[in-house]
């Protein structure tokens, strides 16, 4: 086992790379004040629990400026020790949503047709709506042919309409229309 594989010891300062990742966006004088064994121990504990460098840096960077920024950051980091890391919380919420979705699909089933009809009947009864048979559409009749009296297919004038047979006879010349005024 090499020296780098050993877990960090309590009261140990952060290495430069980790310190820069967590406190690099802060003013350099404040970052230098935070390079203490106590702060290093807190950050290493949080990293071991599943917090990521960027998550800590974003939360520390969002703190308002105050008279004692080191004390504020120390309090914030100590408060994070009592919280579940965001990634673990997200995984747990995702697991709970998946379990809830599975339980919904297991227990929820569409209503049977018989049940649906019973509810529809009950609703209609409560509303007082009578179910009537659909009405047949009115049959449209065409006017009679002016020559033979059958149902017409062709419009000639308002008063004159002709059927297929009469139009065919007119086209062959077998039939002629009387001259009307």
Protein backbone atom coordinates (compact mmCIF):
# COMPACT_ATOMS: atom_id res chain seq x y z
CA UNK A 1 0.00 0.00 0.00
CA UNK A 2 1.38 3.37 -1.02
CA UNK A 3 1.22 6.59 0.91
CA UNK A 4 -1.49 7.99 -1.40
CA UNK A 5 -3.82 5.03 -0.76
CA UNK A 6 -4.08 5.73 2.96
CA UNK A 7 -7.33 7.34 4.16
CA UNK A 8 -6.94 10.91 5.36
CA UNK A 9 -6.18 11.30 9.04
CA UNK A 10 -8.26 13.62 11.27
CA UNK A 11 -6.79 17.10 11.57
CA UNK A 12 -5.04 16.83 8.22
CA UNK A 13 -4.94 19.72 5.78
CA UNK A 14 -6.48 19.33 2.33
CA UNK A 15 -4.19 18.74 -0.61
CA UNK A 16 -3.85 21.70 -2.97
CA UNK A 17 -6.02 20.19 -5.71
CA UNK A 18 -8.99 19.45 -3.40
CA UNK A 19 -8.62 22.82 -1.65
CA UNK A 20 -8.66 24.61 -5.02
CA UNK A 21 -11.68 22.59 -6.19
CA UNK A 22 -13.74 23.51 -3.11
CA UNK A 23 -12.46 26.99 -2.22
CA UNK A 24 -10.92 28.13 -5.54
CA UNK A 25 -13.70 30.57 -6.43
CA UNK A 26 -13.35 32.49 -3.16
CA UNK A 27 -11.02 35.45 -2.74
CA UNK A 28 -7.45 34.24 -2.22
CA UNK A 29 -7.13 35.74 1.27
CA UNK A 30 -10.28 33.91 2.42
CA UNK A 31 -9.17 30.66 0.75
CA UNK A 32 -5.83 30.93 2.59
CA UNK A 33 -7.67 31.39 5.93
CA UNK A 34 -9.67 28.23 5.18
CA UNK A 35 -6.53 26.11 4.71
CA UNK A 36 -6.66 24.76 8.28
CA UNK A 37 -6.76 21.21 9.65
CA UNK A 38 -10.29 21.73 11.09
CA UNK A 39 -11.75 22.85 7.76
CA UNK A 40 -9.78 20.16 5.94
CA UNK A 41 -11.20 17.52 8.27
CA UNK A 42 -14.77 18.74 7.68
CA UNK A 43 -14.33 18.78 3.89
CA UNK A 44 -12.79 15.29 3.86
CA UNK A 45 -15.65 13.92 5.98
CA UNK A 46 -18.17 15.42 3.56
CA UNK A 47 -16.32 14.02 0.53
CA UNK A 48 -16.25 10.58 2.17
CA UNK A 49 -20.02 10.76 2.74
CA UNK A 50 -20.68 11.37 -0.96
CA UNK A 51 -20.56 15.12 -1.45
CA UNK A 52 -18.76 16.29 -4.57
CA UNK A 53 -16.26 19.12 -4.82
CA UNK A 54 -18.51 21.21 -7.05
CA UNK A 55 -21.53 20.79 -4.75
CA UNK A 56 -19.55 22.11 -1.80
CA UNK A 57 -18.00 24.92 -3.85
CA UNK A 58 -21.37 26.08 -5.17
CA UNK A 59 -22.93 26.18 -1.71
CA UNK A 60 -19.95 27.92 -0.13
CA UNK A 61 -19.81 30.44 -2.98
CA UNK A 62 -23.50 31.27 -2.48
CA UNK A 63 -23.02 32.33 1.14
CA UNK A 64 -23.59 36.03 1.75
CA UNK A 65 -20.60 38.09 2.82
CA UNK A 66 -20.44 38.68 6.54
CA UNK A 67 -18.17 39.94 9.27
CA UNK A 68 -16.71 36.46 9.93
CA UNK A 69 -16.75 34.43 6.71
CA UNK A 70 -14.61 31.58 8.10
CA UNK A 71 -17.09 31.00 10.93
CA UNK A 72 -19.99 31.05 8.47
CA UNK A 73 -18.31 28.52 6.18
CA UNK A 74 -17.40 26.29 9.15
CA UNK A 75 -21.02 26.36 10.37
CA UNK A 76 -22.25 25.57 6.87
CA UNK A 77 -19.89 22.59 6.49
CA UNK A 78 -20.85 21.26 9.94
CA UNK A 79 -24.51 21.52 8.95
CA UNK A 80 -23.80 19.47 5.82
CA UNK A 81 -22.56 16.63 8.04
CA UNK A 82 -26.15 16.20 9.27
CA UNK A 83 -27.62 16.18 5.75
CA UNK A 84 -27.81 13.46 3.16
CA UNK A 85 -25.62 14.30 0.15
CA UNK A 86 -27.60 15.56 -2.88
CA UNK A 87 -26.65 12.59 -5.09
CA UNK A 88 -27.76 10.07 -2.46
CA UNK A 89 -30.97 12.02 -1.87
CA UNK A 90 -31.64 12.11 -5.62
CA UNK A 91 -31.05 8.35 -5.95
CA UNK A 92 -33.41 7.69 -3.02
CA UNK A 93 -36.12 9.93 -4.50
CA UNK A 94 -35.71 8.21 -7.86
CA UNK A 95 -36.04 4.80 -6.19
CA UNK A 96 -39.18 5.95 -4.34
CA UNK A 97 -40.73 7.30 -7.57
CA UNK A 98 -40.00 4.02 -9.35
CA UNK A 99 -41.54 2.02 -6.48
CA UNK A 100 -44.59 4.28 -6.47
CA UNK A 101 -44.97 3.91 -10.24
CA UNK A 102 -44.70 0.10 -9.94
CA UNK A 103 -47.32 0.04 -7.20
CA UNK A 104 -49.66 2.21 -9.27
CA UNK A 105 -49.38 -0.05 -12.29
CA UNK A 106 -49.93 -3.13 -10.13
CA UNK A 107 -53.05 -1.85 -8.42
CA UNK A 108 -54.61 0.37 -11.06
CA UNK A 109 -56.58 -1.41 -13.72
CA UNK A 110 -59.00 0.01 -16.23
CA UNK A 111 -62.66 -0.37 -15.32
CA UNK A 112 -64.53 -3.25 -16.89
CA UNK A 113 -67.15 -2.47 -19.51
CA UNK A 114 -69.89 -3.60 -17.13
CA UNK A 115 -68.63 -1.24 -14.42
CA UNK A 116 -68.36 1.65 -16.89
CA UNK A 117 -71.92 1.13 -18.10
CA UNK A 118 -73.21 0.94 -14.52
CA UNK A 119 -71.54 4.27 -13.69
CA UNK A 120 -72.80 5.90 -16.87
CA UNK A 121 -76.33 4.73 -16.10
CA UNK A 122 -76.04 6.05 -12.54
CA UNK A 123 -74.79 9.44 -13.75
CA UNK A 124 -77.54 9.74 -16.33
CA UNK A 125 -80.12 8.83 -13.69
CA UNK A 126 -78.74 11.45 -11.31
CA UNK A 127 -78.73 14.10 -14.03
CA UNK A 128 -82.21 13.22 -15.23
CA UNK A 129 -81.09 12.80 -18.81
CA UNK A 130 -83.12 10.35 -20.85
CA UNK A 131 -81.34 8.31 -23.40
CA UNK A 132 -83.19 8.52 -26.67
CA UNK A 133 -82.63 6.53 -29.80
CA UNK A 134 -80.71 8.39 -32.47
CA UNK A 135 -82.96 9.93 -35.10
CA UNK A 136 -82.81 8.72 -38.66
CA UNK A 137 -81.71 11.50 -40.98
CA UNK A 138 -84.47 12.77 -43.28
CA UNK A 139 -84.24 11.08 -46.62
CA UNK A 140 -83.64 13.53 -49.42
CA UNK A 141 -85.67 12.82 -52.48
CA UNK A 142 -84.84 14.10 -55.91
CA UNK A 143 -87.49 15.70 -58.07
CA UNK A 144 -89.15 13.58 -60.75
CA UNK A 145 -87.90 13.43 -64.33
CA UNK A 146 -89.79 15.88 -66.59
CA UNK A 147 -90.27 13.23 -69.32
CA UNK A 148 -90.88 9.88 -67.66
CA UNK A 149 -91.54 10.66 -63.96
CA UNK A 150 -88.69 8.58 -62.50
CA UNK A 151 -86.18 10.00 -60.00
CA UNK A 152 -84.05 12.61 -61.78
CA UNK A 153 -80.26 12.75 -61.89
CA UNK A 154 -79.57 15.78 -64.10
CA UNK A 155 -80.49 19.41 -63.61
CA UNK A 156 -81.61 21.20 -66.77
CA UNK A 157 -83.61 24.19 -65.50
CA UNK A 158 -85.40 24.97 -62.30
CA UNK A 159 -88.51 23.19 -63.50
CA UNK A 160 -86.85 20.58 -65.75
CA UNK A 161 -84.79 17.68 -64.46
CA UNK A 162 -84.02 14.44 -66.28
CA UNK A 163 -83.18 10.85 -65.34
CA UNK A 164 -80.26 8.82 -66.73
CA UNK A 165 -82.45 6.92 -69.21
CA UNK A 166 -84.01 10.05 -70.70
CA UNK A 167 -80.59 11.75 -71.04
CA UNK A 168 -79.28 8.67 -72.87
CA UNK A 169 -82.26 8.64 -75.25
CA UNK A 170 -81.81 12.39 -75.89
CA UNK A 171 -78.14 11.86 -76.72
CA UNK A 172 -78.99 9.14 -79.28
CA UNK A 173 -81.75 11.23 -80.80
CA UNK A 174 -84.50 8.70 -79.99
CA UNK A 175 -86.24 11.27 -77.81
CA UNK A 176 -86.77 15.01 -78.22
CA UNK A 177 -87.84 17.65 -75.73
CA UNK A 178 -90.99 19.55 -76.62
CA UNK A 179 -90.43 23.20 -77.39
CA UNK A 180 -91.71 25.24 -74.55
CA UNK A 181 -92.26 28.93 -75.21
